[in-house]
Amino acid sequence: MFARKLAQQLARPSGMAGRLLGNAMDVVNRKPLALAVDMLAPAPGETILDAGCGTGAAMAAMLARARCHVTGVDASETMLAAARRKLGAQAVCMNVPLEDLPFADASFDAVLALNVLYFNDAENRMLRSLRRVLRPGGRLVAYVTDRGSMAGWSFTREGLHRLYDAGALQEALAASGFACEGGKVHEVPITRSVRGLFACAQR
């Protein structure tokens, strides 16, 4: 029962439990977030979409790096409320489905997808939607925890998370029309027992 509730909260945080989980995830994700923002390398004037923006921590990090224009989208109003409190008018925060983004084609220079592709379905609708809103040549930086690290976590057996190894992540990106920079996904140690997967791909 606990594993099921945790899986549901991770998919769409809500209420007090969701707020606490969001704060905990910000701590756990400090290293992946910093590395992902480094890979994305936001530049002044760019329009950037934070897909699954959570509490807005990544948007705050991007805005600290460059005078860019950031939009955060998330399925959780609890997370968006936290992001709005953190960022105020510095960012646009929207509760919209990532599989059906309400933006015109080629709206963004870059997309950050940090710990959200677990909810990309078998048809890769989320990735295809993210590709559609990228301008030609625009870049996507994605991070997920490696399947081998997550396999022992009880909530992953509830069927709500899609797990990846490096090959599976690269295949999902290629099937969605992305070209991976350097032709591969990068495996990076996050802690002694957790390995992460980073991909920098282009439309």
N, C-alpha and C. Protein backbone atom coordinates (compact mmCIF):
# COMPACT_ATOMS: atom_id res chain seq x y z
N MET A 1 0.83 -1.21 0.00
CA MET A 1 0.00 0.00 0.00
C MET A 1 0.87 1.26 0.00
N PHE A 2 1.91 1.28 0.85
CA PHE A 2 2.79 2.45 0.89
C PHE A 2 3.48 2.66 -0.44
N ALA A 3 3.96 1.57 -1.05
CA ALA A 3 4.66 1.68 -2.33
C ALA A 3 3.73 2.26 -3.40
N ARG A 4 2.47 1.83 -3.40
CA ARG A 4 1.51 2.34 -4.39
C ARG A 4 1.26 3.82 -4.18
N LYS A 5 1.08 4.23 -2.93
CA LYS A 5 0.83 5.65 -2.65
C LYS A 5 2.04 6.50 -3.01
N LEU A 6 3.24 5.99 -2.74
CA LEU A 6 4.45 6.73 -3.09
C LEU A 6 4.57 6.87 -4.60
N ALA A 7 4.30 5.79 -5.33
CA ALA A 7 4.36 5.85 -6.79
C ALA A 7 3.38 6.88 -7.33
N GLN A 8 2.17 6.92 -6.75
CA GLN A 8 1.15 7.88 -7.19
C GLN A 8 1.58 9.31 -6.87
N GLN A 9 2.18 9.52 -5.72
CA GLN A 9 2.63 10.86 -5.35
C GLN A 9 3.79 11.31 -6.25
N LEU A 10 4.67 10.39 -6.58
CA LEU A 10 5.77 10.75 -7.47
C LEU A 10 5.26 11.10 -8.86
N ALA A 11 4.21 10.42 -9.28
CA ALA A 11 3.63 10.71 -10.59
C ALA A 11 2.90 12.05 -10.61
N ARG A 12 2.19 12.35 -9.50
CA ARG A 12 1.43 13.61 -9.43
C ARG A 12 1.30 14.02 -7.97
N PRO A 13 2.30 14.72 -7.43
CA PRO A 13 2.27 15.10 -6.02
C PRO A 13 1.04 15.96 -5.70
N SER A 14 0.46 15.71 -4.53
CA SER A 14 -0.70 16.51 -4.13
C SER A 14 -0.75 16.63 -2.62
N GLY A 15 -1.36 17.73 -2.16
CA GLY A 15 -1.57 17.93 -0.74
C GLY A 15 -0.28 18.09 0.05
N MET A 16 -0.39 17.94 1.36
CA MET A 16 0.77 18.09 2.24
C MET A 16 1.85 17.07 1.92
N ALA A 17 1.43 15.82 1.65
CA ALA A 17 2.41 14.78 1.31
C ALA A 17 3.17 15.17 0.04
N GLY A 18 2.46 15.74 -0.91
CA GLY A 18 3.10 16.15 -2.15
C GLY A 18 4.09 17.29 -1.94
N ARG A 19 3.73 18.22 -1.07
CA ARG A 19 4.65 19.35 -0.78
C ARG A 19 5.91 18.84 -0.10
N LEU A 20 5.75 17.92 0.84
CA LEU A 20 6.92 17.37 1.52
C LEU A 20 7.78 16.57 0.55
N LEU A 21 7.13 15.81 -0.33
CA LEU A 21 7.86 15.03 -1.31
C LEU A 21 8.62 15.94 -2.28
N GLY A 22 7.99 17.04 -2.68
CA GLY A 22 8.67 17.98 -3.57
C GLY A 22 9.93 18.55 -2.93
N ASN A 23 9.84 18.91 -1.66
CA ASN A 23 11.02 19.43 -0.96
C ASN A 23 12.11 18.37 -0.86
N ALA A 24 11.70 17.12 -0.58
CA ALA A 24 12.68 16.03 -0.49
C ALA A 24 13.35 15.78 -1.83
N MET A 25 12.57 15.82 -2.90
CA MET A 25 13.12 15.57 -4.23
C MET A 25 14.09 16.67 -4.65
N ASP A 26 13.82 17.90 -4.21
CA ASP A 26 14.77 18.98 -4.50
C ASP A 26 16.14 18.70 -3.89
N VAL A 27 16.14 18.13 -2.69
CA VAL A 27 17.42 17.79 -2.04
C VAL A 27 18.09 16.63 -2.78
N VAL A 28 17.33 15.59 -3.06
CA VAL A 28 17.87 14.39 -3.71
C VAL A 28 18.40 14.72 -5.11
N ASN A 29 17.75 15.65 -5.77
CA ASN A 29 18.07 15.93 -7.17
C ASN A 29 19.06 17.07 -7.37
N ARG A 30 19.70 17.54 -6.31
CA ARG A 30 20.60 18.68 -6.47
C ARG A 30 21.70 18.41 -7.50
N LYS A 31 22.34 17.25 -7.40
CA LYS A 31 23.42 16.95 -8.33
C LYS A 31 22.90 16.75 -9.76
N PRO A 32 21.87 15.90 -9.98
CA PRO A 32 21.35 15.78 -11.35
C PRO A 32 20.88 17.11 -11.93
N LEU A 33 20.23 17.93 -11.10
CA LEU A 33 19.74 19.22 -11.59
C LEU A 33 20.91 20.10 -12.03
N ALA A 34 21.94 20.19 -11.20
CA ALA A 34 23.09 21.04 -11.55
C ALA A 34 23.76 20.54 -12.83
N LEU A 35 23.93 19.23 -12.96
CA LEU A 35 24.57 18.68 -14.15
C LEU A 35 23.71 18.90 -15.39
N ALA A 36 22.39 18.73 -15.25
CA ALA A 36 21.49 18.92 -16.38
C ALA A 36 21.47 20.37 -16.85
N VAL A 37 21.45 21.31 -15.92
CA VAL A 37 21.47 22.72 -16.30
C VAL A 37 22.80 23.08 -16.94
N ASP A 38 23.89 22.50 -16.45
CA ASP A 38 25.19 22.70 -17.09
C ASP A 38 25.16 22.21 -18.54
N MET A 39 24.56 21.04 -18.77
CA MET A 39 24.47 20.49 -20.12
C MET A 39 23.58 21.35 -21.01
N LEU A 40 22.50 21.85 -20.44
CA LEU A 40 21.58 22.68 -21.22
C LEU A 40 22.21 24.01 -21.59
N ALA A 41 23.02 24.56 -20.70
CA ALA A 41 23.75 25.82 -20.93
C ALA A 41 22.82 26.93 -21.43
N PRO A 42 21.86 27.35 -20.60
CA PRO A 42 20.94 28.41 -21.03
C PRO A 42 21.68 29.68 -21.39
N ALA A 43 21.22 30.32 -22.46
CA ALA A 43 21.88 31.53 -22.95
C ALA A 43 20.90 32.70 -22.87
N PRO A 44 21.41 33.92 -22.75
CA PRO A 44 20.54 35.09 -22.68
C PRO A 44 19.58 35.16 -23.86
N GLY A 45 18.31 35.44 -23.56
CA GLY A 45 17.31 35.61 -24.60
C GLY A 45 16.65 34.34 -25.06
N GLU A 46 17.16 33.19 -24.66
CA GLU A 46 16.56 31.94 -25.11
C GLU A 46 15.21 31.69 -24.44
N THR A 47 14.34 30.99 -25.15
CA THR A 47 13.08 30.52 -24.58
C THR A 47 13.25 29.05 -24.23
N ILE A 48 13.01 28.71 -22.95
CA ILE A 48 13.29 27.37 -22.46
C ILE A 48 12.06 26.81 -21.76
N LEU A 49 11.74 25.57 -22.08
CA LEU A 49 10.63 24.87 -21.45
C LEU A 49 11.17 23.88 -20.43
N ASP A 50 10.69 23.98 -19.19
CA ASP A 50 11.02 23.01 -18.15
C ASP A 50 9.83 22.05 -18.05
N ALA A 51 10.00 20.86 -18.61
CA ALA A 51 8.93 19.88 -18.70
C ALA A 51 8.90 19.04 -17.42
N GLY A 52 7.82 19.16 -16.66
CA GLY A 52 7.77 18.54 -15.34
C GLY A 52 8.58 19.36 -14.37
N CYS A 53 8.22 20.62 -14.24
CA CYS A 53 9.07 21.61 -13.55
C CYS A 53 9.10 21.46 -12.04
N GLY A 54 8.17 20.69 -11.46
CA GLY A 54 8.18 20.51 -10.01
C GLY A 54 8.10 21.83 -9.27
N THR A 55 8.95 22.01 -8.27
CA THR A 55 8.90 23.21 -7.43
C THR A 55 9.56 24.43 -8.06
N GLY A 56 10.08 24.27 -9.28
CA GLY A 56 10.71 25.40 -9.95
C GLY A 56 12.20 25.53 -9.69
N ALA A 57 12.80 24.52 -9.04
CA ALA A 57 14.22 24.61 -8.70
C ALA A 57 15.10 24.73 -9.93
N ALA A 58 14.79 23.97 -10.97
CA ALA A 58 15.61 24.04 -12.19
C ALA A 58 15.43 25.38 -12.90
N MET A 59 14.19 25.90 -12.91
CA MET A 59 13.98 27.21 -13.53
C MET A 59 14.76 28.29 -12.79
N ALA A 60 14.78 28.22 -11.47
CA ALA A 60 15.55 29.18 -10.69
C ALA A 60 17.03 29.08 -11.04
N ALA A 61 17.53 27.86 -11.21
CA ALA A 61 18.94 27.67 -11.56
C ALA A 61 19.23 28.22 -12.95
N MET A 62 18.31 28.04 -13.89
CA MET A 62 18.52 28.57 -15.25
C MET A 62 18.51 30.09 -15.25
N LEU A 63 17.59 30.67 -14.50
CA LEU A 63 17.50 32.13 -14.45
C LEU A 63 18.72 32.74 -13.77
N ALA A 64 19.32 31.99 -12.85
CA ALA A 64 20.55 32.48 -12.21
C ALA A 64 21.73 32.45 -13.17
N ARG A 65 21.62 31.60 -14.21
CA ARG A 65 22.71 31.46 -15.18
C ARG A 65 22.62 32.50 -16.29
N ALA A 66 21.40 32.83 -16.72
CA ALA A 66 21.24 33.69 -17.90
C ALA A 66 19.88 34.36 -17.89
N ARG A 67 19.78 35.49 -18.54
CA ARG A 67 18.50 36.19 -18.68
C ARG A 67 17.70 35.54 -19.81
N CYS A 68 17.20 34.36 -19.50
CA CYS A 68 16.41 33.62 -20.47
C CYS A 68 14.93 33.73 -20.10
N HIS A 69 14.09 33.17 -20.96
CA HIS A 69 12.64 33.19 -20.73
C HIS A 69 12.20 31.76 -20.46
N VAL A 70 11.76 31.47 -19.24
CA VAL A 70 11.46 30.10 -18.87
C VAL A 70 9.96 29.89 -18.67
N THR A 71 9.50 28.75 -19.16
CA THR A 71 8.12 28.31 -18.95
C THR A 71 8.17 26.94 -18.32
N GLY A 72 7.45 26.76 -17.22
CA GLY A 72 7.40 25.47 -16.55
C GLY A 72 6.03 24.86 -16.69
N VAL A 73 5.99 23.58 -17.03
CA VAL A 73 4.71 22.87 -17.10
C VAL A 73 4.80 21.64 -16.20
N ASP A 74 3.68 21.32 -15.56
CA ASP A 74 3.65 20.18 -14.64
C ASP A 74 2.22 19.70 -14.51
N ALA A 75 2.07 18.40 -14.22
CA ALA A 75 0.74 17.83 -14.02
C ALA A 75 0.20 18.09 -12.63
N SER A 76 1.06 18.59 -11.73
CA SER A 76 0.68 18.75 -10.32
C SER A 76 0.50 20.22 -9.97
N GLU A 77 -0.71 20.58 -9.56
CA GLU A 77 -0.95 21.95 -9.10
C GLU A 77 -0.19 22.23 -7.81
N THR A 78 0.02 21.21 -7.00
CA THR A 78 0.78 21.39 -5.76
C THR A 78 2.20 21.84 -6.08
N MET A 79 2.84 21.21 -7.07
CA MET A 79 4.19 21.60 -7.46
C MET A 79 4.20 22.98 -8.12
N LEU A 80 3.22 23.25 -8.94
CA LEU A 80 3.16 24.55 -9.62
C LEU A 80 2.97 25.68 -8.62
N ALA A 81 2.19 25.44 -7.58
CA ALA A 81 2.01 26.47 -6.55
C ALA A 81 3.35 26.80 -5.90
N ALA A 82 4.15 25.76 -5.63
CA ALA A 82 5.47 25.97 -5.05
C ALA A 82 6.37 26.74 -6.02
N ALA A 83 6.30 26.40 -7.31
CA ALA A 83 7.11 27.09 -8.31
C ALA A 83 6.72 28.56 -8.42
N ARG A 84 5.42 28.82 -8.37
CA ARG A 84 4.97 30.22 -8.47
C ARG A 84 5.41 31.03 -7.26
N ARG A 85 5.39 30.41 -6.07
CA ARG A 85 5.86 31.11 -4.87
C ARG A 85 7.35 31.40 -4.98
N LYS A 86 8.08 30.49 -5.54
CA LYS A 86 9.54 30.63 -5.64
C LYS A 86 9.94 31.67 -6.68
N LEU A 87 9.23 31.71 -7.81
CA LEU A 87 9.69 32.48 -8.97
C LEU A 87 8.87 33.73 -9.26
N GLY A 88 7.65 33.79 -8.77
CA GLY A 88 6.81 34.95 -9.04
C GLY A 88 6.66 35.20 -10.53
N ALA A 89 6.89 36.44 -10.94
CA ALA A 89 6.71 36.82 -12.34
C ALA A 89 7.91 36.46 -13.21
N GLN A 90 8.92 35.84 -12.64
CA GLN A 90 10.11 35.50 -13.44
C GLN A 90 9.86 34.36 -14.42
N ALA A 91 8.81 33.58 -14.20
CA ALA A 91 8.55 32.42 -15.04
C ALA A 91 7.05 32.26 -15.25
N VAL A 92 6.69 31.62 -16.35
CA VAL A 92 5.32 31.21 -16.61
C VAL A 92 5.18 29.77 -16.16
N CYS A 93 4.16 29.47 -15.35
CA CYS A 93 3.94 28.12 -14.83
C CYS A 93 2.54 27.66 -15.22
N MET A 94 2.45 26.47 -15.87
CA MET A 94 1.18 26.03 -16.43
C MET A 94 0.90 24.57 -16.09
N ASN A 95 -0.36 24.29 -15.77
CA ASN A 95 -0.81 22.93 -15.53
C ASN A 95 -1.39 22.38 -16.83
N VAL A 96 -0.55 21.71 -17.59
CA VAL A 96 -0.96 21.17 -18.90
C VAL A 96 -0.33 19.78 -19.07
N PRO A 97 -0.96 18.92 -19.88
CA PRO A 97 -0.39 17.60 -20.12
C PRO A 97 0.83 17.69 -21.04
N LEU A 98 1.90 17.03 -20.66
CA LEU A 98 3.10 17.07 -21.48
C LEU A 98 2.91 16.35 -22.81
N GLU A 99 1.92 15.45 -22.87
CA GLU A 99 1.66 14.73 -24.12
C GLU A 99 0.90 15.57 -25.13
N ASP A 100 0.35 16.70 -24.69
CA ASP A 100 -0.46 17.55 -25.58
C ASP A 100 -0.23 19.01 -25.21
N LEU A 101 0.98 19.47 -25.42
CA LEU A 101 1.35 20.82 -25.01
C LEU A 101 0.63 21.87 -25.85
N PRO A 102 0.13 22.93 -25.21
CA PRO A 102 -0.67 23.94 -25.91
C PRO A 102 0.19 25.05 -26.53
N PHE A 103 1.34 24.69 -27.05
CA PHE A 103 2.24 25.66 -27.66
C PHE A 103 2.36 25.40 -29.15
N ALA A 104 2.62 26.45 -29.89
CA ALA A 104 2.82 26.29 -31.34
C ALA A 104 4.09 25.49 -31.61
N ASP A 105 4.14 24.91 -32.78
CA ASP A 105 5.35 24.23 -33.20
C ASP A 105 6.54 25.19 -33.12
N ALA A 106 7.71 24.65 -32.79
CA ALA A 106 8.96 25.42 -32.79
C ALA A 106 8.90 26.65 -31.89
N SER A 107 8.30 26.51 -30.71
CA SER A 107 8.15 27.64 -29.78
C SER A 107 9.37 27.86 -28.89
N PHE A 108 10.21 26.83 -28.71
CA PHE A 108 11.27 26.90 -27.71
C PHE A 108 12.64 26.60 -28.30
N ASP A 109 13.63 27.27 -27.74
CA ASP A 109 15.02 26.99 -28.12
C ASP A 109 15.55 25.73 -27.46
N ALA A 110 15.05 25.43 -26.26
CA ALA A 110 15.56 24.29 -25.50
C ALA A 110 14.49 23.76 -24.57
N VAL A 111 14.61 22.48 -24.23
CA VAL A 111 13.71 21.82 -23.29
C VAL A 111 14.54 21.05 -22.27
N LEU A 112 14.17 21.19 -21.00
CA LEU A 112 14.75 20.39 -19.93
C LEU A 112 13.70 19.40 -19.46
N ALA A 113 14.08 18.12 -19.42
CA ALA A 113 13.17 17.07 -18.95
C ALA A 113 13.88 16.31 -17.85
N LEU A 114 13.74 16.79 -16.63
CA LEU A 114 14.45 16.24 -15.47
C LEU A 114 13.53 15.34 -14.68
N ASN A 115 13.81 14.04 -14.66
CA ASN A 115 13.02 13.07 -13.89
C ASN A 115 11.55 13.07 -14.27
N VAL A 116 11.26 13.18 -15.56
CA VAL A 116 9.85 13.16 -15.98
C VAL A 116 9.57 12.09 -17.03
N LEU A 117 10.60 11.59 -17.70
CA LEU A 117 10.36 10.61 -18.77
C LEU A 117 9.93 9.25 -18.25
N TYR A 118 9.91 9.08 -16.93
CA TYR A 118 9.32 7.86 -16.36
C TYR A 118 7.85 7.74 -16.75
N PHE A 119 7.24 8.85 -17.11
CA PHE A 119 5.81 8.88 -17.41
C PHE A 119 5.55 9.05 -18.90
N ASN A 120 6.58 8.86 -19.70
CA ASN A 120 6.48 8.82 -21.15
C ASN A 120 5.92 7.45 -21.55
N ASP A 121 4.81 7.41 -22.27
CA ASP A 121 4.16 6.14 -22.55
C ASP A 121 4.88 5.35 -23.64
N ALA A 122 4.36 4.17 -23.93
CA ALA A 122 5.02 3.27 -24.88
C ALA A 122 5.06 3.84 -26.29
N GLU A 123 4.15 4.75 -26.60
CA GLU A 123 4.14 5.40 -27.92
C GLU A 123 5.01 6.66 -27.94
N ASN A 124 5.65 6.95 -26.82
CA ASN A 124 6.54 8.12 -26.69
C ASN A 124 5.81 9.44 -26.97
N ARG A 125 4.56 9.52 -26.55
CA ARG A 125 3.79 10.74 -26.83
C ARG A 125 4.39 11.96 -26.15
N MET A 126 4.95 11.78 -24.96
CA MET A 126 5.56 12.91 -24.27
C MET A 126 6.78 13.42 -25.04
N LEU A 127 7.66 12.52 -25.42
CA LEU A 127 8.85 12.93 -26.16
C LEU A 127 8.49 13.54 -27.51
N ARG A 128 7.50 12.98 -28.19
CA ARG A 128 7.09 13.54 -29.49
C ARG A 128 6.52 14.95 -29.32
N SER A 129 5.79 15.16 -28.23
CA SER A 129 5.24 16.48 -27.96
C SER A 129 6.35 17.48 -27.66
N LEU A 130 7.35 17.05 -26.88
CA LEU A 130 8.47 17.94 -26.58
C LEU A 130 9.26 18.28 -27.85
N ARG A 131 9.43 17.32 -28.71
CA ARG A 131 10.14 17.58 -29.98
C ARG A 131 9.37 18.58 -30.84
N ARG A 132 8.05 18.44 -30.88
CA ARG A 132 7.24 19.33 -31.71
C ARG A 132 7.41 20.79 -31.35
N VAL A 133 7.52 21.09 -30.05
CA VAL A 133 7.58 22.49 -29.65
C VAL A 133 9.00 23.06 -29.70
N LEU A 134 9.98 22.21 -30.00
CA LEU A 134 11.35 22.70 -30.18
C LEU A 134 11.54 23.25 -31.58
N ARG A 135 12.29 24.33 -31.67
CA ARG A 135 12.64 24.84 -33.00
C ARG A 135 13.60 23.85 -33.67
N PRO A 136 13.69 23.85 -35.01
CA PRO A 136 14.68 23.01 -35.68
C PRO A 136 16.08 23.32 -35.17
N GLY A 137 16.79 22.28 -34.78
CA GLY A 137 18.11 22.46 -34.20
C GLY A 137 18.08 22.71 -32.70
N GLY A 138 16.89 22.87 -32.13
CA GLY A 138 16.76 23.08 -30.69
C GLY A 138 17.19 21.84 -29.92
N ARG A 139 17.50 22.01 -28.65
CA ARG A 139 18.08 20.92 -27.87
C ARG A 139 17.20 20.51 -26.70
N LEU A 140 17.26 19.24 -26.41
CA LEU A 140 16.60 18.64 -25.26
C LEU A 140 17.67 18.05 -24.37
N VAL A 141 17.62 18.37 -23.08
CA VAL A 141 18.45 17.69 -22.09
C VAL A 141 17.51 16.92 -21.19
N ALA A 142 17.75 15.62 -21.09
CA ALA A 142 16.89 14.75 -20.29
C ALA A 142 17.73 14.00 -19.27
N TYR A 143 17.13 13.79 -18.10
CA TYR A 143 17.76 12.97 -17.06
C TYR A 143 16.75 12.00 -16.48
N VAL A 144 17.17 10.74 -16.31
CA VAL A 144 16.43 9.75 -15.53
C VAL A 144 17.45 8.94 -14.73
N THR A 145 17.00 8.34 -13.66
CA THR A 145 17.84 7.41 -12.93
C THR A 145 17.85 6.08 -13.68
N ASP A 146 19.02 5.46 -13.75
CA ASP A 146 19.19 4.21 -14.48
C ASP A 146 18.32 3.09 -13.90
N ARG A 147 17.82 2.25 -14.80
CA ARG A 147 16.97 1.12 -14.43
C ARG A 147 17.60 0.25 -13.34
N GLY A 148 18.90 -0.01 -13.46
CA GLY A 148 19.57 -0.87 -12.49
C GLY A 148 19.54 -0.30 -11.09
N SER A 149 19.61 1.02 -10.97
CA SER A 149 19.54 1.66 -9.66
C SER A 149 18.13 1.64 -9.10
N MET A 150 17.13 1.75 -9.98
CA MET A 150 15.74 1.86 -9.54
C MET A 150 15.08 0.50 -9.30
N ALA A 151 15.69 -0.56 -9.83
CA ALA A 151 15.02 -1.87 -9.82
C ALA A 151 14.68 -2.35 -8.41
N GLY A 152 15.47 -1.97 -7.42
CA GLY A 152 15.21 -2.41 -6.06
C GLY A 152 14.26 -1.53 -5.29
N TRP A 153 13.80 -0.45 -5.88
CA TRP A 153 12.90 0.47 -5.19
C TRP A 153 11.47 -0.02 -5.34
N SER A 154 10.78 -0.23 -4.25
CA SER A 154 9.48 -0.92 -4.29
C SER A 154 8.44 -0.18 -5.14
N PHE A 155 8.47 1.14 -5.17
CA PHE A 155 7.43 1.88 -5.90
C PHE A 155 7.51 1.64 -7.40
N THR A 156 8.69 1.24 -7.90
CA THR A 156 8.81 1.02 -9.34
C THR A 156 8.07 -0.24 -9.79
N ARG A 157 7.69 -1.10 -8.85
CA ARG A 157 6.96 -2.31 -9.20
C ARG A 157 5.45 -2.09 -9.27
N GLU A 158 5.01 -0.85 -9.10
CA GLU A 158 3.58 -0.53 -9.14
C GLU A 158 3.08 -0.25 -10.55
N GLY A 159 3.98 -0.24 -11.52
CA GLY A 159 3.58 -0.09 -12.92
C GLY A 159 3.34 1.33 -13.38
N LEU A 160 3.69 2.32 -12.57
CA LEU A 160 3.46 3.72 -12.96
C LEU A 160 4.69 4.38 -13.56
N HIS A 161 5.84 3.73 -13.43
CA HIS A 161 7.09 4.31 -13.91
C HIS A 161 7.66 3.47 -15.06
N ARG A 162 8.08 4.13 -16.10
CA ARG A 162 8.82 3.48 -17.18
C ARG A 162 10.31 3.60 -16.85
N LEU A 163 11.00 2.48 -16.86
CA LEU A 163 12.41 2.47 -16.49
C LEU A 163 13.29 2.35 -17.72
N TYR A 164 14.49 2.92 -17.64
CA TYR A 164 15.40 2.97 -18.78
C TYR A 164 16.80 2.53 -18.36
N ASP A 165 17.46 1.83 -19.26
CA ASP A 165 18.91 1.80 -19.24
C ASP A 165 19.36 2.72 -20.37
N ALA A 166 20.66 2.83 -20.59
CA ALA A 166 21.14 3.78 -21.59
C ALA A 166 20.58 3.48 -22.97
N GLY A 167 20.56 2.19 -23.33
CA GLY A 167 20.05 1.83 -24.64
C GLY A 167 18.58 2.14 -24.82
N ALA A 168 17.79 1.87 -23.79
CA ALA A 168 16.35 2.12 -23.88
C ALA A 168 16.06 3.61 -24.00
N LEU A 169 16.81 4.45 -23.27
CA LEU A 169 16.60 5.89 -23.37
C LEU A 169 16.98 6.39 -24.76
N GLN A 170 18.07 5.91 -25.28
CA GLN A 170 18.49 6.33 -26.61
C GLN A 170 17.47 5.88 -27.67
N GLU A 171 16.94 4.67 -27.51
CA GLU A 171 15.94 4.18 -28.45
C GLU A 171 14.67 5.02 -28.41
N ALA A 172 14.23 5.41 -27.20
CA ALA A 172 13.03 6.23 -27.07
C ALA A 172 13.23 7.58 -27.74
N LEU A 173 14.40 8.17 -27.57
CA LEU A 173 14.69 9.46 -28.20
C LEU A 173 14.71 9.32 -29.72
N ALA A 174 15.37 8.30 -30.21
CA ALA A 174 15.46 8.10 -31.66
C ALA A 174 14.09 7.83 -32.26
N ALA A 175 13.27 7.03 -31.56
CA ALA A 175 11.93 6.72 -32.06
C ALA A 175 11.04 7.95 -32.11
N SER A 176 11.38 8.96 -31.32
CA SER A 176 10.59 10.20 -31.27
C SER A 176 11.14 11.26 -32.21
N GLY A 177 12.18 10.93 -32.95
CA GLY A 177 12.71 11.85 -33.95
C GLY A 177 13.89 12.68 -33.51
N PHE A 178 14.42 12.41 -32.31
CA PHE A 178 15.57 13.16 -31.82
C PHE A 178 16.87 12.54 -32.29
N ALA A 179 17.88 13.38 -32.44
CA ALA A 179 19.24 12.92 -32.70
C ALA A 179 20.06 13.16 -31.45
N CYS A 180 20.65 12.11 -30.88
CA CYS A 180 21.44 12.26 -29.66
C CYS A 180 22.80 12.85 -29.98
N GLU A 181 23.16 13.91 -29.28
CA GLU A 181 24.45 14.54 -29.47
C GLU A 181 25.54 13.56 -29.06
N GLY A 182 26.51 13.37 -29.94
CA GLY A 182 27.57 12.42 -29.64
C GLY A 182 27.15 10.98 -29.81
N GLY A 183 25.87 10.75 -30.16
CA GLY A 183 25.40 9.41 -30.48
C GLY A 183 25.18 8.49 -29.29
N LYS A 184 25.20 9.04 -28.06
CA LYS A 184 25.01 8.13 -26.94
C LYS A 184 24.42 8.86 -25.73
N VAL A 185 23.94 8.05 -24.80
CA VAL A 185 23.48 8.53 -23.51
C VAL A 185 24.63 8.39 -22.53
N HIS A 186 24.80 9.39 -21.66
CA HIS A 186 25.90 9.39 -20.72
C HIS A 186 25.45 8.84 -19.37
N GLU A 187 26.20 7.87 -18.85
CA GLU A 187 25.94 7.32 -17.52
C GLU A 187 26.85 8.02 -16.52
N VAL A 188 26.24 8.53 -15.44
CA VAL A 188 26.99 9.32 -14.46
C VAL A 188 26.65 8.82 -13.06
N PRO A 189 27.65 8.58 -12.20
CA PRO A 189 27.35 8.22 -10.81
C PRO A 189 26.78 9.42 -10.05
N ILE A 190 25.64 9.22 -9.40
CA ILE A 190 25.00 10.27 -8.62
C ILE A 190 25.37 10.11 -7.15
N THR A 191 25.28 8.89 -6.65
CA THR A 191 25.76 8.52 -5.32
C THR A 191 26.52 7.20 -5.49
N ARG A 192 26.96 6.63 -4.38
CA ARG A 192 27.66 5.34 -4.46
C ARG A 192 26.78 4.24 -5.03
N SER A 193 25.49 4.35 -4.82
CA SER A 193 24.58 3.27 -5.24
C SER A 193 23.63 3.66 -6.37
N VAL A 194 23.68 4.90 -6.80
CA VAL A 194 22.73 5.39 -7.82
C VAL A 194 23.49 5.93 -9.02
N ARG A 195 23.10 5.42 -10.20
CA ARG A 195 23.66 5.94 -11.44
C ARG A 195 22.55 6.64 -12.22
N GLY A 196 22.90 7.73 -12.86
CA GLY A 196 21.94 8.50 -13.64
C GLY A 196 22.28 8.47 -15.11
N LEU A 197 21.27 8.74 -15.93
CA LEU A 197 21.42 8.79 -17.37
C LEU A 197 21.10 10.19 -17.88
N PHE A 198 22.03 10.77 -18.60
CA PHE A 198 21.85 12.10 -19.18
C PHE A 198 21.90 11.98 -20.70
N ALA A 199 20.99 12.66 -21.35
CA ALA A 199 20.99 12.71 -22.82
C ALA A 199 20.86 14.15 -23.26
N CYS A 200 21.66 14.54 -24.22
CA CYS A 200 21.50 15.83 -24.88
C CYS A 200 21.19 15.55 -26.33
N ALA A 201 19.96 15.86 -26.74
CA ALA A 201 19.48 15.49 -28.07
C ALA A 201 19.00 16.74 -28.80
N GLN A 202 18.95 16.64 -30.12
CA GLN A 202 18.51 17.77 -30.95
C GLN A 202 17.33 17.38 -31.80
N ARG A 203 16.50 18.39 -32.08
CA ARG A 203 15.43 18.17 -33.05
C ARG A 203 16.02 18.22 -34.44
